[in-house]
Structure formats: C-alpha cells, structure tokens
Amino acid sequence: MFHQNDRGLQAARDRAYILADSGKFENAHAVERALIAEGWPNAARALESSFARKALSERCQVATAH
C-alpha cells in the first residue's frame, strides 16, 4: 500500500511539473489549485516539500517568460 501511495504522489508531482511548464500559472500555489481542480486528492501532500514548491515556482517563471 505504501508503494502505491508513493506512485500516486509522484504522479501528482509529474502532473504539477507539466502544468508549471505550460506557462499558464505564475507560482506553485496556482499549480496546486489547478491540481485540486483536476481532482488530484493528494495535491497538497505531493507538493508539501519546499524543494517541490521551489522547483514548480522556478518552472512557472521560466515558462511565463517565454
């Protein structure tokens, strides 16, 4: 069960990175809200680390700059 949970969190993070790279969001919080709107029940947990949030914010900045 724990391994399945890890895969679910990784899938949510992968989706978050795709959203961040889309250029439609300005920060990690906006990406998290989009994940929740898409129905990811583990969105907050998947993005709870400061590393994940920083990576998302950086990706958002790069994507919106283009």
PDB file of N, CA and C in Angstrom:
ATOM      1  N   MET A   1       0.826  -1.195   0.000  1.00  0.00           N
ATOM      2  CA  MET A   1       0.000   0.000   0.000  1.00  0.00           C
ATOM      3  C   MET A   1       0.869   1.257   0.000  1.00  0.00           C
ATOM      4  N   PHE A   2       1.928   1.254   0.791  1.00  0.00           N
ATOM      5  CA  PHE A   2       2.805   2.421   0.862  1.00  0.00           C
ATOM      6  C   PHE A   2       3.428   2.718  -0.492  1.00  0.00           C
ATOM      7  N   HIS A   3       3.807   1.680  -1.217  1.00  0.00           N
ATOM      8  CA  HIS A   3       4.422   1.871  -2.526  1.00  0.00           C
ATOM      9  C   HIS A   3       3.428   2.492  -3.505  1.00  0.00           C
ATOM     10  N   GLN A   4       2.179   2.087  -3.452  1.00  0.00           N
ATOM     11  CA  GLN A   4       1.157   2.673  -4.309  1.00  0.00           C
ATOM     12  C   GLN A   4       0.969   4.146  -3.990  1.00  0.00           C
ATOM     13  N   ASN A   5       1.033   4.488  -2.702  1.00  0.00           N
ATOM     14  CA  ASN A   5       0.892   5.882  -2.289  1.00  0.00           C
ATOM     15  C   ASN A   5       2.030   6.716  -2.857  1.00  0.00           C
ATOM     16  N   ASP A   6       3.248   6.183  -2.825  1.00  0.00           N
ATOM     17  CA  ASP A   6       4.393   6.888  -3.411  1.00  0.00           C
ATOM     18  C   ASP A   6       4.186   7.135  -4.898  1.00  0.00           C
ATOM     19  N   ARG A   7       3.648   6.149  -5.592  1.00  0.00           N
ATOM     20  CA  ARG A   7       3.398   6.320  -7.024  1.00  0.00           C
ATOM     21  C   ARG A   7       2.339   7.381  -7.271  1.00  0.00           C
ATOM     22  N   GLY A   8       1.340   7.424  -6.409  1.00  0.00           N
ATOM     23  CA  GLY A   8       0.299   8.444  -6.542  1.00  0.00           C
ATOM     24  C   GLY A   8       0.849   9.839  -6.329  1.00  0.00           C
ATOM     25  N   LEU A   9       1.722   9.987  -5.336  1.00  0.00           N
ATOM     26  CA  LEU A   9       2.337  11.289  -5.073  1.00  0.00           C
ATOM     27  C   LEU A   9       3.249  11.693  -6.229  1.00  0.00           C
ATOM     28  N   GLN A  10       4.006  10.739  -6.752  1.00  0.00           N
ATOM     29  CA  GLN A  10       4.891  11.032  -7.882  1.00  0.00           C
ATOM     30  C   GLN A  10       4.076  11.418  -9.110  1.00  0.00           C
ATOM     31  N   ALA A  11       2.963  10.758  -9.333  1.00  0.00           N
ATOM     32  CA  ALA A  11       2.106  11.093 -10.476  1.00  0.00           C
ATOM     33  C   ALA A  11       1.560  12.513 -10.329  1.00  0.00           C
ATOM     34  N   ALA A  12       1.171  12.893  -9.123  1.00  0.00           N
ATOM     35  CA  ALA A  12       0.677  14.254  -8.891  1.00  0.00           C
ATOM     36  C   ALA A  12       1.786  15.277  -9.123  1.00  0.00           C
ATOM     37  N   ARG A  13       3.000  14.976  -8.662  1.00  0.00           N
ATOM     38  CA  ARG A  13       4.129  15.881  -8.890  1.00  0.00           C
ATOM     39  C   ARG A  13       4.449  15.988 -10.375  1.00  0.00           C
ATOM     40  N   ASP A  14       4.417  14.870 -11.073  1.00  0.00           N
ATOM     41  CA  ASP A  14       4.674  14.894 -12.520  1.00  0.00           C
ATOM     42  C   ASP A  14       3.654  15.773 -13.231  1.00  0.00           C
ATOM     43  N   ARG A  15       2.395  15.645 -12.861  1.00  0.00           N
ATOM     44  CA  ARG A  15       1.348  16.473 -13.467  1.00  0.00           C
ATOM     45  C   ARG A  15       1.573  17.941 -13.121  1.00  0.00           C
ATOM     46  N   ALA A  16       2.000  18.205 -11.890  1.00  0.00           N
ATOM     47  CA  ALA A  16       2.266  19.583 -11.469  1.00  0.00           C
ATOM     48  C   ALA A  16       3.377  20.200 -12.318  1.00  0.00           C
ATOM     49  N   TYR A  17       4.415  19.433 -12.608  1.00  0.00           N
ATOM     50  CA  TYR A  17       5.509  19.957 -13.439  1.00  0.00           C
ATOM     51  C   TYR A  17       5.025  20.234 -14.857  1.00  0.00           C
ATOM     52  N   ILE A  18       4.157  19.390 -15.376  1.00  0.00           N
ATOM     53  CA  ILE A  18       3.599  19.629 -16.710  1.00  0.00           C
ATOM     54  C   ILE A  18       2.794  20.925 -16.711  1.00  0.00           C
ATOM     55  N   LEU A  19       1.983  21.113 -15.685  1.00  0.00           N
ATOM     56  CA  LEU A  19       1.192  22.344 -15.586  1.00  0.00           C
ATOM     57  C   LEU A  19       2.098  23.567 -15.463  1.00  0.00           C
ATOM     58  N   ALA A  20       3.139  23.462 -14.638  1.00  0.00           N
ATOM     59  CA  ALA A  20       4.061  24.587 -14.455  1.00  0.00           C
ATOM     60  C   ALA A  20       4.759  24.943 -15.760  1.00  0.00           C
ATOM     61  N   ASP A  21       5.119  23.936 -16.526  1.00  0.00           N
ATOM     62  CA  ASP A  21       5.809  24.166 -17.799  1.00  0.00           C
ATOM     63  C   ASP A  21       4.884  24.726 -18.875  1.00  0.00           C
ATOM     64  N   SER A  22       3.583  24.685 -18.637  1.00  0.00           N
ATOM     65  CA  SER A  22       2.620  25.156 -19.642  1.00  0.00           C
ATOM     66  C   SER A  22       2.633  26.669 -19.807  1.00  0.00           C
ATOM     67  N   GLY A  23       3.125  27.390 -18.810  1.00  0.00           N
ATOM     68  CA  GLY A  23       3.158  28.843 -18.885  1.00  0.00           C
ATOM     69  C   GLY A  23       1.860  29.513 -18.476  1.00  0.00           C
ATOM     70  N   LYS A  24       0.902  28.749 -17.977  1.00  0.00           N
ATOM     71  CA  LYS A  24      -0.406  29.286 -17.597  1.00  0.00           C
ATOM     72  C   LYS A  24      -0.495  29.686 -16.127  1.00  0.00           C
ATOM     73  N   PHE A  25       0.528  29.368 -15.348  1.00  0.00           N
ATOM     74  CA  PHE A  25       0.479  29.588 -13.905  1.00  0.00           C
ATOM     75  C   PHE A  25       1.687  30.390 -13.456  1.00  0.00           C
ATOM     76  N   GLU A  26       1.467  31.244 -12.459  1.00  0.00           N
ATOM     77  CA  GLU A  26       2.565  32.115 -12.041  1.00  0.00           C
ATOM     78  C   GLU A  26       3.348  31.618 -10.834  1.00  0.00           C
ATOM     79  N   ASN A  27       2.824  30.621 -10.110  1.00  0.00           N
ATOM     80  CA  ASN A  27       3.561  30.106  -8.951  1.00  0.00           C
ATOM     81  C   ASN A  27       3.054  28.726  -8.548  1.00  0.00           C
ATOM     82  N   ALA A  28       3.719  28.128  -7.562  1.00  0.00           N
ATOM     83  CA  ALA A  28       3.382  26.777  -7.116  1.00  0.00           C
ATOM     84  C   ALA A  28       1.978  26.707  -6.526  1.00  0.00           C
ATOM     85  N   HIS A  29       1.559  27.760  -5.862  1.00  0.00           N
ATOM     86  CA  HIS A  29       0.218  27.761  -5.269  1.00  0.00           C
ATOM     87  C   HIS A  29      -0.853  27.670  -6.362  1.00  0.00           C
ATOM     88  N   ALA A  30      -0.666  28.374  -7.438  1.00  0.00           N
ATOM     89  CA  ALA A  30      -1.615  28.322  -8.552  1.00  0.00           C
ATOM     90  C   ALA A  30      -1.636  26.927  -9.183  1.00  0.00           C
ATOM     91  N   VAL A  31      -0.481  26.305  -9.283  1.00  0.00           N
ATOM     92  CA  VAL A  31      -0.405  24.944  -9.818  1.00  0.00           C
ATOM     93  C   VAL A  31      -1.128  23.983  -8.879  1.00  0.00           C
ATOM     94  N   GLU A  32      -0.927  24.147  -7.579  1.00  0.00           N
ATOM     95  CA  GLU A  32      -1.610  23.287  -6.613  1.00  0.00           C
ATOM     96  C   GLU A  32      -3.125  23.426  -6.741  1.00  0.00           C
ATOM     97  N   ARG A  33      -3.616  24.642  -6.874  1.00  0.00           N
ATOM     98  CA  ARG A  33      -5.059  24.861  -7.049  1.00  0.00           C
ATOM     99  C   ARG A  33      -5.554  24.185  -8.321  1.00  0.00           C
ATOM    100  N   ALA A  34      -4.754  24.226  -9.383  1.00  0.00           N
ATOM    101  CA  ALA A  34      -5.141  23.569 -10.635  1.00  0.00           C
ATOM    102  C   ALA A  34      -5.205  22.055 -10.458  1.00  0.00           C
ATOM    103  N   LEU A  35      -4.252  21.494  -9.739  1.00  0.00           N
ATOM    104  CA  LEU A  35      -4.278  20.052  -9.471  1.00  0.00           C
ATOM    105  C   LEU A  35      -5.536  19.669  -8.704  1.00  0.00           C
ATOM    106  N   ILE A  36      -5.867  20.446  -7.705  1.00  0.00           N
ATOM    107  CA  ILE A  36      -7.065  20.172  -6.914  1.00  0.00           C
ATOM    108  C   ILE A  36      -8.306  20.261  -7.802  1.00  0.00           C
ATOM    109  N   ALA A  37      -8.352  21.256  -8.658  1.00  0.00           N
ATOM    110  CA  ALA A  37      -9.485  21.411  -9.571  1.00  0.00           C
ATOM    111  C   ALA A  37      -9.591  20.234 -10.544  1.00  0.00           C
ATOM    112  N   GLU A  38      -8.454  19.652 -10.896  1.00  0.00           N
ATOM    113  CA  GLU A  38      -8.450  18.479 -11.774  1.00  0.00           C
ATOM    114  C   GLU A  38      -8.856  17.217 -11.040  1.00  0.00           C
ATOM    115  N   GLY A  39      -8.932  17.275  -9.714  1.00  0.00           N
ATOM    116  CA  GLY A  39      -9.368  16.116  -8.948  1.00  0.00           C
ATOM    117  C   GLY A  39      -8.260  15.294  -8.315  1.00  0.00           C
ATOM    118  N   TRP A  40      -7.075  15.861  -8.183  1.00  0.00           N
ATOM    119  CA  TRP A  40      -5.973  15.152  -7.519  1.00  0.00           C
ATOM    120  C   TRP A  40      -6.157  15.295  -6.006  1.00  0.00           C
ATOM    121  N   PRO A  41      -6.598  14.247  -5.317  1.00  0.00           N
ATOM    122  CA  PRO A  41      -6.863  14.357  -3.885  1.00  0.00           C
ATOM    123  C   PRO A  41      -5.598  14.512  -3.046  1.00  0.00           C
ATOM    124  N   ASN A  42      -4.459  14.152  -3.592  1.00  0.00           N
ATOM    125  CA  ASN A  42      -3.196  14.203  -2.856  1.00  0.00           C
ATOM    126  C   ASN A  42      -2.320  15.374  -3.282  1.00  0.00           C
ATOM    127  N   ALA A  43      -2.893  16.386  -3.893  1.00  0.00           N
ATOM    128  CA  ALA A  43      -2.113  17.501  -4.426  1.00  0.00           C
ATOM    129  C   ALA A  43      -1.305  18.205  -3.343  1.00  0.00           C
ATOM    130  N   ALA A  44      -1.939  18.545  -2.235  1.00  0.00           N
ATOM    131  CA  ALA A  44      -1.236  19.266  -1.167  1.00  0.00           C
ATOM    132  C   ALA A  44      -0.105  18.417  -0.601  1.00  0.00           C
ATOM    133  N   ARG A  45      -0.360  17.150  -0.410  1.00  0.00           N
ATOM    134  CA  ARG A  45       0.671  16.269   0.146  1.00  0.00           C
ATOM    135  C   ARG A  45       1.829  16.086  -0.835  1.00  0.00           C
ATOM    136  N   ALA A  46       1.514  15.985  -2.118  1.00  0.00           N
ATOM    137  CA  ALA A  46       2.560  15.793  -3.128  1.00  0.00           C
ATOM    138  C   ALA A  46       3.479  17.006  -3.225  1.00  0.00           C
ATOM    139  N   LEU A  47       2.953  18.174  -2.887  1.00  0.00           N
ATOM    140  CA  LEU A  47       3.732  19.410  -3.030  1.00  0.00           C
ATOM    141  C   LEU A  47       4.119  20.021  -1.698  1.00  0.00           C
ATOM    142  N   GLU A  48       4.121  19.217  -0.631  1.00  0.00           N
ATOM    143  CA  GLU A  48       4.393  19.776   0.687  1.00  0.00           C
ATOM    144  C   GLU A  48       5.869  20.100   0.937  1.00  0.00           C
ATOM    145  N   SER A  49       6.761  19.549   0.158  1.00  0.00           N
ATOM    146  CA  SER A  49       8.180  19.846   0.392  1.00  0.00           C
ATOM    147  C   SER A  49       8.549  21.198  -0.205  1.00  0.00           C
ATOM    148  N   SER A  50       9.441  21.882   0.449  1.00  0.00           N
ATOM    149  CA  SER A  50       9.882  23.185  -0.055  1.00  0.00           C
ATOM    150  C   SER A  50      10.640  23.020  -1.375  1.00  0.00           C
ATOM    151  N   PHE A  51      11.295  21.876  -1.554  1.00  0.00           N
ATOM    152  CA  PHE A  51      12.012  21.613  -2.794  1.00  0.00           C
ATOM    153  C   PHE A  51      11.041  21.555  -3.972  1.00  0.00           C
ATOM    154  N   ALA A  52       9.937  20.826  -3.812  1.00  0.00           N
ATOM    155  CA  ALA A  52       8.952  20.698  -4.896  1.00  0.00           C
ATOM    156  C   ALA A  52       8.338  22.054  -5.218  1.00  0.00           C
ATOM    157  N   ARG A  53       7.997  22.820  -4.201  1.00  0.00           N
ATOM    158  CA  ARG A  53       7.382  24.133  -4.430  1.00  0.00           C
ATOM    159  C   ARG A  53       8.352  25.094  -5.118  1.00  0.00           C
ATOM    160  N   LYS A  54       9.621  25.050  -4.708  1.00  0.00           N
ATOM    161  CA  LYS A  54      10.617  25.920  -5.330  1.00  0.00           C
ATOM    162  C   LYS A  54      10.812  25.528  -6.796  1.00  0.00           C
ATOM    163  N   ALA A  55      10.890  24.236  -7.059  1.00  0.00           N
ATOM    164  CA  ALA A  55      11.054  23.769  -8.441  1.00  0.00           C
ATOM    165  C   ALA A  55       9.863  24.182  -9.297  1.00  0.00           C
ATOM    166  N   LEU A  56       8.659  24.066  -8.756  1.00  0.00           N
ATOM    167  CA  LEU A  56       7.472  24.474  -9.502  1.00  0.00           C
ATOM    168  C   LEU A  56       7.481  25.974  -9.782  1.00  0.00           C
ATOM    169  N   SER A  57       7.805  26.759  -8.764  1.00  0.00           N
ATOM    170  CA  SER A  57       7.832  28.213  -8.947  1.00  0.00           C
ATOM    171  C   SER A  57       8.854  28.618 -10.006  1.00  0.00           C
ATOM    172  N   GLU A  58      10.020  27.974  -9.982  1.00  0.00           N
ATOM    173  CA  GLU A  58      11.036  28.276 -10.982  1.00  0.00           C
ATOM    174  C   GLU A  58      10.568  27.898 -12.383  1.00  0.00           C
ATOM    175  N   ARG A  59       9.916  26.757 -12.503  1.00  0.00           N
ATOM    176  CA  ARG A  59       9.407  26.332 -13.806  1.00  0.00           C
ATOM    177  C   ARG A  59       8.329  27.298 -14.306  1.00  0.00           C
ATOM    178  N   CYS A  60       7.477  27.759 -13.394  1.00  0.00           N
ATOM    179  CA  CYS A  60       6.446  28.715 -13.767  1.00  0.00           C
ATOM    180  C   CYS A  60       7.073  30.009 -14.288  1.00  0.00           C
ATOM    181  N   GLN A  61       8.091  30.483 -13.597  1.00  0.00           N
ATOM    182  CA  GLN A  61       8.762  31.731 -14.005  1.00  0.00           C
ATOM    183  C   GLN A  61       9.402  31.586 -15.381  1.00  0.00           C
ATOM    184  N   VAL A  62      10.075  30.476 -15.606  1.00  0.00           N
ATOM    185  CA  VAL A  62      10.724  30.252 -16.892  1.00  0.00           C
ATOM    186  C   VAL A  62       9.673  30.134 -18.005  1.00  0.00           C
ATOM    187  N   ALA A  63       8.610  29.404 -17.744  1.00  0.00           N
ATOM    188  CA  ALA A  63       7.590  29.184 -18.772  1.00  0.00           C
ATOM    189  C   ALA A  63       6.842  30.462 -19.117  1.00  0.00           C
ATOM    190  N   THR A  64       6.582  31.308 -18.137  1.00  0.00           N
ATOM    191  CA  THR A  64       5.841  32.539 -18.429  1.00  0.00           C
ATOM    192  C   THR A  64       6.734  33.585 -19.071  1.00  0.00           C
ATOM    193  N   ALA A  65       8.048  33.431 -18.943  1.00  0.00           N
ATOM    194  CA  ALA A  65       8.985  34.389 -19.549  1.00  0.00           C
ATOM    195  C   ALA A  65       9.069  34.199 -21.055  1.00  0.00           C
ATOM    196  N   HIS A  66       8.659  33.059 -21.544  1.00  0.00           N
ATOM    197  CA  HIS A  66       8.770  32.761 -22.978  1.00  0.00           C
ATOM    198  C   HIS A  66       7.537  33.104 -23.703  1.00  0.00           C
TER     199      HIS A  66
END
